[in-house]
Amino acid sequence: MSFVQVQCTRCKGVFRDRAGRLQDGYSRQCPSCEVVLFFAEDAPHPFIKRAMRNARKVRKEQREAEAARLGAPQPQAAPSRRFAGRARTPQRSD
């Protein structure tokens, strides 16, 4: 889970929010001054633009890392040391 720093347009305070949430149409209240910030792709304020750009970048990096993780072959697990010793012997036929 990645976070993006957001700077308030009113009090200039900085707080964090999840990158997955910062999408077009999202709104959030500043924890300091309690003004409601609206996040939109065409927002006129540079603080909002920067937060949206950073969130897009973080989401893209997460998608690429997930694709690389899924595309890479899974390493084979070594056998447990607990069972690496003697094998079970067949039953005696007396």
PDB file of N, CA and C in Angstrom:
ATOM      1  N   MET A   1       0.845  -1.161   0.000  1.00  0.00           N
ATOM      2  CA  MET A   1       0.000   0.000   0.000  1.00  0.00           C
ATOM      3  C   MET A   1       0.900   1.236   0.000  1.00  0.00           C
ATOM      4  N   SER A   2       0.759   2.066  -1.003  1.00  0.00           N
ATOM      5  CA  SER A   2       1.596   3.240  -1.133  1.00  0.00           C
ATOM      6  C   SER A   2       0.802   4.501  -0.863  1.00  0.00           C
ATOM      7  N   PHE A   3       1.489   5.453  -0.327  1.00  0.00           N
ATOM      8  CA  PHE A   3       0.874   6.716   0.031  1.00  0.00           C
ATOM      9  C   PHE A   3       1.477   7.852  -0.770  1.00  0.00           C
ATOM     10  N   VAL A   4       0.709   8.918  -0.914  1.00  0.00           N
ATOM     11  CA  VAL A   4       1.134  10.126  -1.620  1.00  0.00           C
ATOM     12  C   VAL A   4       0.950  11.296  -0.667  1.00  0.00           C
ATOM     13  N   GLN A   5       1.901  12.205  -0.680  1.00  0.00           N
ATOM     14  CA  GLN A   5       1.770  13.401   0.147  1.00  0.00           C
ATOM     15  C   GLN A   5       0.921  14.430  -0.581  1.00  0.00           C
ATOM     16  N   VAL A   6       0.007  15.020   0.170  1.00  0.00           N
ATOM     17  CA  VAL A   6      -0.906  16.025  -0.375  1.00  0.00           C
ATOM     18  C   VAL A   6      -0.711  17.297   0.429  1.00  0.00           C
ATOM     19  N   GLN A   7      -0.580  18.417  -0.271  1.00  0.00           N
ATOM     20  CA  GLN A   7      -0.456  19.709   0.401  1.00  0.00           C
ATOM     21  C   GLN A   7      -1.791  20.436   0.291  1.00  0.00           C
ATOM     22  N   CYS A   8      -2.272  20.899   1.425  1.00  0.00           N
ATOM     23  CA  CYS A   8      -3.562  21.586   1.480  1.00  0.00           C
ATOM     24  C   CYS A   8      -3.474  22.913   0.721  1.00  0.00           C
ATOM     25  N   THR A   9      -4.535  23.243   0.016  1.00  0.00           N
ATOM     26  CA  THR A   9      -4.570  24.485  -0.755  1.00  0.00           C
ATOM     27  C   THR A   9      -4.823  25.698   0.131  1.00  0.00           C
ATOM     28  N   ARG A  10      -5.356  25.486   1.321  1.00  0.00           N
ATOM     29  CA  ARG A  10      -5.686  26.604   2.207  1.00  0.00           C
ATOM     30  C   ARG A  10      -4.610  26.846   3.262  1.00  0.00           C
ATOM     31  N   CYS A  11      -4.302  25.818   4.077  1.00  0.00           N
ATOM     32  CA  CYS A  11      -3.361  26.014   5.188  1.00  0.00           C
ATOM     33  C   CYS A  11      -1.931  25.615   4.837  1.00  0.00           C
ATOM     34  N   LYS A  12      -1.729  25.040   3.661  1.00  0.00           N
ATOM     35  CA  LYS A  12      -0.418  24.585   3.179  1.00  0.00           C
ATOM     36  C   LYS A  12       0.142  23.435   4.012  1.00  0.00           C
ATOM     37  N   GLY A  13      -0.673  22.835   4.848  1.00  0.00           N
ATOM     38  CA  GLY A  13      -0.257  21.670   5.625  1.00  0.00           C
ATOM     39  C   GLY A  13      -0.128  20.450   4.721  1.00  0.00           C
ATOM     40  N   VAL A  14       0.728  19.516   5.108  1.00  0.00           N
ATOM     41  CA  VAL A  14       0.959  18.321   4.308  1.00  0.00           C
ATOM     42  C   VAL A  14       0.418  17.110   5.064  1.00  0.00           C
ATOM     43  N   PHE A  15      -0.314  16.255   4.357  1.00  0.00           N
ATOM     44  CA  PHE A  15      -0.811  15.011   4.930  1.00  0.00           C
ATOM     45  C   PHE A  15      -0.698  13.927   3.872  1.00  0.00           C
ATOM     46  N   ARG A  16      -0.880  12.676   4.277  1.00  0.00           N
ATOM     47  CA  ARG A  16      -0.756  11.549   3.364  1.00  0.00           C
ATOM     48  C   ARG A  16      -2.113  10.936   3.073  1.00  0.00           C
ATOM     49  N   ASP A  17      -2.230  10.406   1.860  1.00  0.00           N
ATOM     50  CA  ASP A  17      -3.422   9.659   1.485  1.00  0.00           C
ATOM     51  C   ASP A  17      -2.993   8.537   0.552  1.00  0.00           C
ATOM     52  N   ARG A  18      -3.806   7.494   0.480  1.00  0.00           N
ATOM     53  CA  ARG A  18      -3.468   6.352  -0.365  1.00  0.00           C
ATOM     54  C   ARG A  18      -3.506   6.736  -1.834  1.00  0.00           C
ATOM     55  N   ALA A  19      -2.529   6.224  -2.580  1.00  0.00           N
ATOM     56  CA  ALA A  19      -2.451   6.532  -4.004  1.00  0.00           C
ATOM     57  C   ALA A  19      -3.646   5.961  -4.752  1.00  0.00           C
ATOM     58  N   GLY A  20      -4.170   4.850  -4.298  1.00  0.00           N
ATOM     59  CA  GLY A  20      -5.325   4.244  -4.958  1.00  0.00           C
ATOM     60  C   GLY A  20      -6.580   5.080  -4.844  1.00  0.00           C
ATOM     61  N   ARG A  21      -6.674   5.867  -3.802  1.00  0.00           N
ATOM     62  CA  ARG A  21      -7.864   6.713  -3.597  1.00  0.00           C
ATOM     63  C   ARG A  21      -7.816   7.985  -4.426  1.00  0.00           C
ATOM     64  N   LEU A  22      -6.634   8.536  -4.655  1.00  0.00           N
ATOM     65  CA  LEU A  22      -6.508   9.824  -5.338  1.00  0.00           C
ATOM     66  C   LEU A  22      -6.777   9.659  -6.830  1.00  0.00           C
ATOM     67  N   GLN A  23      -8.045   9.650  -7.170  1.00  0.00           N
ATOM     68  CA  GLN A  23      -8.457   9.561  -8.559  1.00  0.00           C
ATOM     69  C   GLN A  23      -9.474  10.658  -8.829  1.00  0.00           C
ATOM     70  N   ASP A  24      -9.795  10.827 -10.087  1.00  0.00           N
ATOM     71  CA  ASP A  24     -10.718  11.871 -10.507  1.00  0.00           C
ATOM     72  C   ASP A  24     -12.056  11.719  -9.777  1.00  0.00           C
ATOM     73  N   GLY A  25     -12.504  12.781  -9.104  1.00  0.00           N
ATOM     74  CA  GLY A  25     -13.770  12.762  -8.395  1.00  0.00           C
ATOM     75  C   GLY A  25     -13.653  12.507  -6.904  1.00  0.00           C
ATOM     76  N   TYR A  26     -12.462  12.203  -6.413  1.00  0.00           N
ATOM     77  CA  TYR A  26     -12.259  11.927  -4.990  1.00  0.00           C
ATOM     78  C   TYR A  26     -12.210  13.245  -4.222  1.00  0.00           C
ATOM     79  N   SER A  27     -12.738  13.258  -3.014  1.00  0.00           N
ATOM     80  CA  SER A  27     -12.652  14.442  -2.158  1.00  0.00           C
ATOM     81  C   SER A  27     -12.182  14.003  -0.782  1.00  0.00           C
ATOM     82  N   ARG A  28     -11.460  14.892  -0.122  1.00  0.00           N
ATOM     83  CA  ARG A  28     -10.880  14.577   1.184  1.00  0.00           C
ATOM     84  C   ARG A  28     -10.835  15.849   2.011  1.00  0.00           C
ATOM     85  N   GLN A  29     -11.067  15.711   3.288  1.00  0.00           N
ATOM     86  CA  GLN A  29     -11.014  16.855   4.194  1.00  0.00           C
ATOM     87  C   GLN A  29      -9.607  16.969   4.761  1.00  0.00           C
ATOM     88  N   CYS A  30      -9.062  18.178   4.775  1.00  0.00           N
ATOM     89  CA  CYS A  30      -7.739  18.423   5.349  1.00  0.00           C
ATOM     90  C   CYS A  30      -7.819  18.167   6.858  1.00  0.00           C
ATOM     91  N   PRO A  31      -6.895  17.389   7.417  1.00  0.00           N
ATOM     92  CA  PRO A  31      -6.957  17.123   8.855  1.00  0.00           C
ATOM     93  C   PRO A  31      -6.632  18.346   9.719  1.00  0.00           C
ATOM     94  N   SER A  32      -5.977  19.352   9.151  1.00  0.00           N
ATOM     95  CA  SER A  32      -5.604  20.537   9.928  1.00  0.00           C
ATOM     96  C   SER A  32      -6.701  21.598   9.942  1.00  0.00           C
ATOM     97  N   CYS A  33      -7.070  22.069   8.761  1.00  0.00           N
ATOM     98  CA  CYS A  33      -8.017  23.191   8.688  1.00  0.00           C
ATOM     99  C   CYS A  33      -9.431  22.760   8.312  1.00  0.00           C
ATOM    100  N   GLU A  34      -9.619  21.478   7.990  1.00  0.00           N
ATOM    101  CA  GLU A  34     -10.915  20.884   7.683  1.00  0.00           C
ATOM    102  C   GLU A  34     -11.578  21.420   6.415  1.00  0.00           C
ATOM    103  N   VAL A  35     -10.808  22.004   5.508  1.00  0.00           N
ATOM    104  CA  VAL A  35     -11.357  22.390   4.213  1.00  0.00           C
ATOM    105  C   VAL A  35     -11.456  21.123   3.361  1.00  0.00           C
ATOM    106  N   VAL A  36     -12.462  21.038   2.512  1.00  0.00           N
ATOM    107  CA  VAL A  36     -12.645  19.865   1.657  1.00  0.00           C
ATOM    108  C   VAL A  36     -11.877  20.090   0.364  1.00  0.00           C
ATOM    109  N   LEU A  37     -10.986  19.164   0.052  1.00  0.00           N
ATOM    110  CA  LEU A  37     -10.194  19.222  -1.182  1.00  0.00           C
ATOM    111  C   LEU A  37     -10.832  18.279  -2.198  1.00  0.00           C
ATOM    112  N   PHE A  38     -11.033  18.767  -3.404  1.00  0.00           N
ATOM    113  CA  PHE A  38     -11.590  17.966  -4.483  1.00  0.00           C
ATOM    114  C   PHE A  38     -10.475  17.642  -5.458  1.00  0.00           C
ATOM    115  N   PHE A  39     -10.301  16.363  -5.755  1.00  0.00           N
ATOM    116  CA  PHE A  39      -9.242  15.913  -6.656  1.00  0.00           C
ATOM    117  C   PHE A  39      -9.840  15.638  -8.019  1.00  0.00           C
ATOM    118  N   ALA A  40      -9.339  16.373  -9.006  1.00  0.00           N
ATOM    119  CA  ALA A  40      -9.795  16.206 -10.386  1.00  0.00           C
ATOM    120  C   ALA A  40      -8.592  16.329 -11.307  1.00  0.00           C
ATOM    121  N   GLU A  41      -8.678  15.653 -12.444  1.00  0.00           N
ATOM    122  CA  GLU A  41      -7.576  15.688 -13.407  1.00  0.00           C
ATOM    123  C   GLU A  41      -7.321  17.101 -13.942  1.00  0.00           C
ATOM    124  N   ASP A  42      -8.368  17.901 -14.061  1.00  0.00           N
ATOM    125  CA  ASP A  42      -8.228  19.248 -14.606  1.00  0.00           C
ATOM    126  C   ASP A  42      -8.267  20.316 -13.500  1.00  0.00           C
ATOM    127  N   ALA A  43      -7.806  19.972 -12.314  1.00  0.00           N
ATOM    128  CA  ALA A  43      -7.822  20.915 -11.189  1.00  0.00           C
ATOM    129  C   ALA A  43      -6.875  22.090 -11.487  1.00  0.00           C
ATOM    130  N   PRO A  44      -7.282  23.305 -11.165  1.00  0.00           N
ATOM    131  CA  PRO A  44      -6.443  24.468 -11.465  1.00  0.00           C
ATOM    132  C   PRO A  44      -5.291  24.652 -10.474  1.00  0.00           C
ATOM    133  N   HIS A  45      -5.393  24.083  -9.285  1.00  0.00           N
ATOM    134  CA  HIS A  45      -4.384  24.330  -8.253  1.00  0.00           C
ATOM    135  C   HIS A  45      -3.186  23.397  -8.432  1.00  0.00           C
ATOM    136  N   PRO A  46      -1.963  23.943  -8.373  1.00  0.00           N
ATOM    137  CA  PRO A  46      -0.774  23.104  -8.590  1.00  0.00           C
ATOM    138  C   PRO A  46      -0.562  22.033  -7.525  1.00  0.00           C
ATOM    139  N   PHE A  47      -1.022  22.258  -6.290  1.00  0.00           N
ATOM    140  CA  PHE A  47      -0.863  21.241  -5.242  1.00  0.00           C
ATOM    141  C   PHE A  47      -1.684  19.996  -5.572  1.00  0.00           C
ATOM    142  N   ILE A  48      -2.896  20.214  -6.079  1.00  0.00           N
ATOM    143  CA  ILE A  48      -3.767  19.105  -6.454  1.00  0.00           C
ATOM    144  C   ILE A  48      -3.200  18.391  -7.678  1.00  0.00           C
ATOM    145  N   LYS A  49      -2.711  19.153  -8.649  1.00  0.00           N
ATOM    146  CA  LYS A  49      -2.110  18.562  -9.848  1.00  0.00           C
ATOM    147  C   LYS A  49      -0.925  17.682  -9.477  1.00  0.00           C
ATOM    148  N   ARG A  50      -0.084  18.165  -8.575  1.00  0.00           N
ATOM    149  CA  ARG A  50       1.102  17.412  -8.162  1.00  0.00           C
ATOM    150  C   ARG A  50       0.707  16.116  -7.461  1.00  0.00           C
ATOM    151  N   ALA A  51      -0.284  16.192  -6.581  1.00  0.00           N
ATOM    152  CA  ALA A  51      -0.741  14.996  -5.869  1.00  0.00           C
ATOM    153  C   ALA A  51      -1.318  13.971  -6.848  1.00  0.00           C
ATOM    154  N   MET A  52      -2.107  14.424  -7.804  1.00  0.00           N
ATOM    155  CA  MET A  52      -2.691  13.522  -8.794  1.00  0.00           C
ATOM    156  C   MET A  52      -1.613  12.891  -9.667  1.00  0.00           C
ATOM    157  N   ARG A  53      -0.633  13.670 -10.075  1.00  0.00           N
ATOM    158  CA  ARG A  53       0.468  13.164 -10.897  1.00  0.00           C
ATOM    159  C   ARG A  53       1.275  12.113 -10.130  1.00  0.00           C
ATOM    160  N   ASN A  54       1.575  12.405  -8.858  1.00  0.00           N
ATOM    161  CA  ASN A  54       2.328  11.455  -8.041  1.00  0.00           C
ATOM    162  C   ASN A  54       1.534  10.170  -7.815  1.00  0.00           C
ATOM    163  N   ALA A  55       0.230  10.288  -7.610  1.00  0.00           N
ATOM    164  CA  ALA A  55      -0.610   9.108  -7.401  1.00  0.00           C
ATOM    165  C   ALA A  55      -0.647   8.246  -8.662  1.00  0.00           C
ATOM    166  N   ARG A  56      -0.756   8.871  -9.836  1.00  0.00           N
ATOM    167  CA  ARG A  56      -0.721   8.117 -11.088  1.00  0.00           C
ATOM    168  C   ARG A  56       0.603   7.371 -11.240  1.00  0.00           C
ATOM    169  N   LYS A  57       1.682   8.046 -10.895  1.00  0.00           N
ATOM    170  CA  LYS A  57       3.015   7.444 -11.003  1.00  0.00           C
ATOM    171  C   LYS A  57       3.148   6.247 -10.062  1.00  0.00           C
ATOM    172  N   VAL A  58       2.686   6.394  -8.841  1.00  0.00           N
ATOM    173  CA  VAL A  58       2.775   5.310  -7.860  1.00  0.00           C
ATOM    174  C   VAL A  58       1.914   4.129  -8.292  1.00  0.00           C
ATOM    175  N   ARG A  59       0.699   4.389  -8.775  1.00  0.00           N
ATOM    176  CA  ARG A  59      -0.163   3.303  -9.231  1.00  0.00           C
ATOM    177  C   ARG A  59       0.447   2.559 -10.410  1.00  0.00           C
ATOM    178  N   LYS A  60       1.086   3.298 -11.318  1.00  0.00           N
ATOM    179  CA  LYS A  60       1.736   2.669 -12.466  1.00  0.00           C
ATOM    180  C   LYS A  60       2.888   1.783 -12.007  1.00  0.00           C
ATOM    181  N   GLU A  61       3.703   2.272 -11.065  1.00  0.00           N
ATOM    182  CA  GLU A  61       4.810   1.474 -10.544  1.00  0.00           C
ATOM    183  C   GLU A  61       4.309   0.214  -9.851  1.00  0.00           C
ATOM    184  N   GLN A  62       3.201   0.333  -9.123  1.00  0.00           N
ATOM    185  CA  GLN A  62       2.625  -0.839  -8.459  1.00  0.00           C
ATOM    186  C   GLN A  62       2.145  -1.871  -9.476  1.00  0.00           C
ATOM    187  N   ARG A  63       1.486  -1.405 -10.558  1.00  0.00           N
ATOM    188  CA  ARG A  63       1.028  -2.331 -11.593  1.00  0.00           C
ATOM    189  C   ARG A  63       2.200  -3.039 -12.257  1.00  0.00           C
ATOM    190  N   GLU A  64       3.275  -2.295 -12.552  1.00  0.00           N
ATOM    191  CA  GLU A  64       4.441  -2.898 -13.193  1.00  0.00           C
ATOM    192  C   GLU A  64       5.119  -3.909 -12.272  1.00  0.00           C
ATOM    193  N   ALA A  65       5.213  -3.581 -10.992  1.00  0.00           N
ATOM    194  CA  ALA A  65       5.828  -4.507 -10.044  1.00  0.00           C
ATOM    195  C   ALA A  65       4.983  -5.772  -9.907  1.00  0.00           C
ATOM    196  N   GLU A  66       3.668  -5.618  -9.899  1.00  0.00           N
ATOM    197  CA  GLU A  66       2.777  -6.772  -9.804  1.00  0.00           C
ATOM    198  C   GLU A  66       2.895  -7.642 -11.045  1.00  0.00           C
ATOM    199  N   ALA A  67       2.976  -7.021 -12.228  1.00  0.00           N
ATOM    200  CA  ALA A  67       3.114  -7.790 -13.470  1.00  0.00           C
ATOM    201  C   ALA A  67       4.450  -8.521 -13.499  1.00  0.00           C
ATOM    202  N   ALA A  68       5.513  -7.879 -13.034  1.00  0.00           N
ATOM    203  CA  ALA A  68       6.824  -8.527 -12.998  1.00  0.00           C
ATOM    204  C   ALA A  68       6.817  -9.684 -12.007  1.00  0.00           C
ATOM    205  N   ARG A  69       6.135  -9.505 -10.898  1.00  0.00           N
ATOM    206  CA  ARG A  69       6.082 -10.559  -9.887  1.00  0.00           C
ATOM    207  C   ARG A  69       5.293 -11.760 -10.398  1.00  0.00           C
ATOM    208  N   LEU A  70       4.204 -11.503 -11.109  1.00  0.00           N
ATOM    209  CA  LEU A  70       3.402 -12.593 -11.642  1.00  0.00           C
ATOM    210  C   LEU A  70       4.076 -13.268 -12.830  1.00  0.00           C
ATOM    211  N   GLY A  71       4.846 -12.513 -13.589  1.00  0.00           N
ATOM    212  CA  GLY A  71       5.510 -13.063 -14.765  1.00  0.00           C
ATOM    213  C   GLY A  71       6.758 -13.858 -14.440  1.00  0.00           C
ATOM    214  N   ALA A  72       7.389 -13.597 -13.327  1.00  0.00           N
ATOM    215  CA  ALA A  72       8.626 -14.290 -12.959  1.00  0.00           C
ATOM    216  C   ALA A  72       8.292 -15.693 -12.465  1.00  0.00           C
ATOM    217  N   PRO A  73       9.138 -16.674 -12.801  1.00  0.00           N
ATOM    218  CA  PRO A  73       8.884 -18.032 -12.302  1.00  0.00           C
ATOM    219  C   PRO A  73       9.066 -18.095 -10.792  1.00  0.00           C
ATOM    220  N   GLN A  74       8.213 -18.871 -10.162  1.00  0.00           N
ATOM    221  CA  GLN A  74       8.285 -19.016  -8.708  1.00  0.00           C
ATOM    222  C   GLN A  74       9.439 -19.946  -8.353  1.00  0.00           C
ATOM    223  N   PRO A  75      10.259 -19.571  -7.385  1.00  0.00           N
ATOM    224  CA  PRO A  75      11.360 -20.454  -6.988  1.00  0.00           C
ATOM    225  C   PRO A  75      10.814 -21.714  -6.319  1.00  0.00           C
ATOM    226  N   GLN A  76      11.468 -22.834  -6.601  1.00  0.00           N
ATOM    227  CA  GLN A  76      11.050 -24.092  -6.002  1.00  0.00           C
ATOM    228  C   GLN A  76      11.463 -24.118  -4.545  1.00  0.00           C
ATOM    229  N   ALA A  77      10.577 -24.522  -3.693  1.00  0.00           N
ATOM    230  CA  ALA A  77      10.869 -24.578  -2.267  1.00  0.00           C
ATOM    231  C   ALA A  77      11.749 -25.786  -1.994  1.00  0.00           C
ATOM    232  N   ALA A  78      12.781 -25.577  -1.189  1.00  0.00           N
ATOM    233  CA  ALA A  78      13.659 -26.669  -0.803  1.00  0.00           C
ATOM    234  C   ALA A  78      12.905 -27.592   0.143  1.00  0.00           C
ATOM    235  N   PRO A  79      13.207 -28.878   0.110  1.00  0.00           N
ATOM    236  CA  PRO A  79      12.521 -29.771   1.042  1.00  0.00           C
ATOM    237  C   PRO A  79      12.863 -29.402   2.477  1.00  0.00           C
ATOM    238  N   SER A  80      11.928 -29.635   3.311  1.00  0.00           N
ATOM    239  CA  SER A  80      12.102 -29.288   4.712  1.00  0.00           C
ATOM    240  C   SER A  80      13.224 -30.117   5.322  1.00  0.00           C
ATOM    241  N   ARG A  81      14.016 -29.499   6.176  1.00  0.00           N
ATOM    242  CA  ARG A  81      15.115 -30.219   6.823  1.00  0.00           C
ATOM    243  C   ARG A  81      14.576 -31.296   7.757  1.00  0.00           C
ATOM    244  N   ARG A  82      13.392 -31.112   8.205  1.00  0.00           N
ATOM    245  CA  ARG A  82      12.800 -32.052   9.147  1.00  0.00           C
ATOM    246  C   ARG A  82      12.598 -33.430   8.503  1.00  0.00           C
ATOM    247  N   PHE A  83      12.242 -33.442   7.234  1.00  0.00           N
ATOM    248  CA  PHE A  83      11.990 -34.688   6.532  1.00  0.00           C
ATOM    249  C   PHE A  83      13.099 -35.056   5.548  1.00  0.00           C
ATOM    250  N   ALA A  84      14.228 -34.398   5.621  1.00  0.00           N
ATOM    251  CA  ALA A  84      15.306 -34.661   4.682  1.00  0.00           C
ATOM    252  C   ALA A  84      16.114 -35.894   5.079  1.00  0.00           C
ATOM    253  N   GLY A  85      15.852 -36.463   6.230  1.00  0.00           N
ATOM    254  CA  GLY A  85      16.620 -37.607   6.719  1.00  0.00           C
ATOM    255  C   GLY A  85      16.198 -38.913   6.088  1.00  0.00           C
ATOM    256  N   ARG A  86      16.041 -39.942   6.891  1.00  0.00           N
ATOM    257  CA  ARG A  86      15.757 -41.272   6.406  1.00  0.00           C
ATOM    258  C   ARG A  86      14.340 -41.339   5.809  1.00  0.00           C
ATOM    259  N   ALA A  87      14.240 -42.174   4.813  1.00  0.00           N
ATOM    260  CA  ALA A  87      12.947 -42.393   4.199  1.00  0.00           C
ATOM    261  C   ALA A  87      12.217 -43.503   4.946  1.00  0.00           C
ATOM    262  N   ARG A  88      10.942 -43.582   4.761  1.00  0.00           N
ATOM    263  CA  ARG A  88      10.145 -44.615   5.404  1.00  0.00           C
ATOM    264  C   ARG A  88      10.476 -45.968   4.789  1.00  0.00           C
ATOM    265  N   THR A  89      10.671 -46.937   5.621  1.00  0.00           N
ATOM    266  CA  THR A  89      11.006 -48.284   5.136  1.00  0.00           C
ATOM    267  C   THR A  89       9.722 -49.043   4.830  1.00  0.00           C
ATOM    268  N   PRO A  90       9.780 -49.950   3.838  1.00  0.00           N
ATOM    269  CA  PRO A  90       8.577 -50.737   3.523  1.00  0.00           C
ATOM    270  C   PRO A  90       8.219 -51.671   4.680  1.00  0.00           C
ATOM    271  N   GLN A  91       6.963 -52.046   4.754  1.00  0.00           N
ATOM    272  CA  GLN A  91       6.476 -52.938   5.812  1.00  0.00           C
ATOM    273  C   GLN A  91       7.100 -54.325   5.668  1.00  0.00           C
ATOM    274  N   ARG A  92       7.398 -54.935   6.797  1.00  0.00           N
ATOM    275  CA  ARG A  92       7.954 -56.302   6.792  1.00  0.00           C
ATOM    276  C   ARG A  92       6.854 -57.308   6.449  1.00  0.00           C
ATOM    277  N   SER A  93       7.261 -58.339   5.748  1.00  0.00           N
ATOM    278  CA  SER A  93       6.291 -59.394   5.453  1.00  0.00           C
ATOM    279  C   SER A  93       6.690 -60.650   6.207  1.00  0.00           C
ATOM    280  N   ASP A  94       6.452 -60.750   7.492  1.00  0.00           N
ATOM    281  CA  ASP A  94       6.806 -61.902   8.325  1.00  0.00           C
ATOM    282  C   ASP A  94       5.732 -62.935   8.366  1.00  0.00           C
TER     283      ASP A  94
END
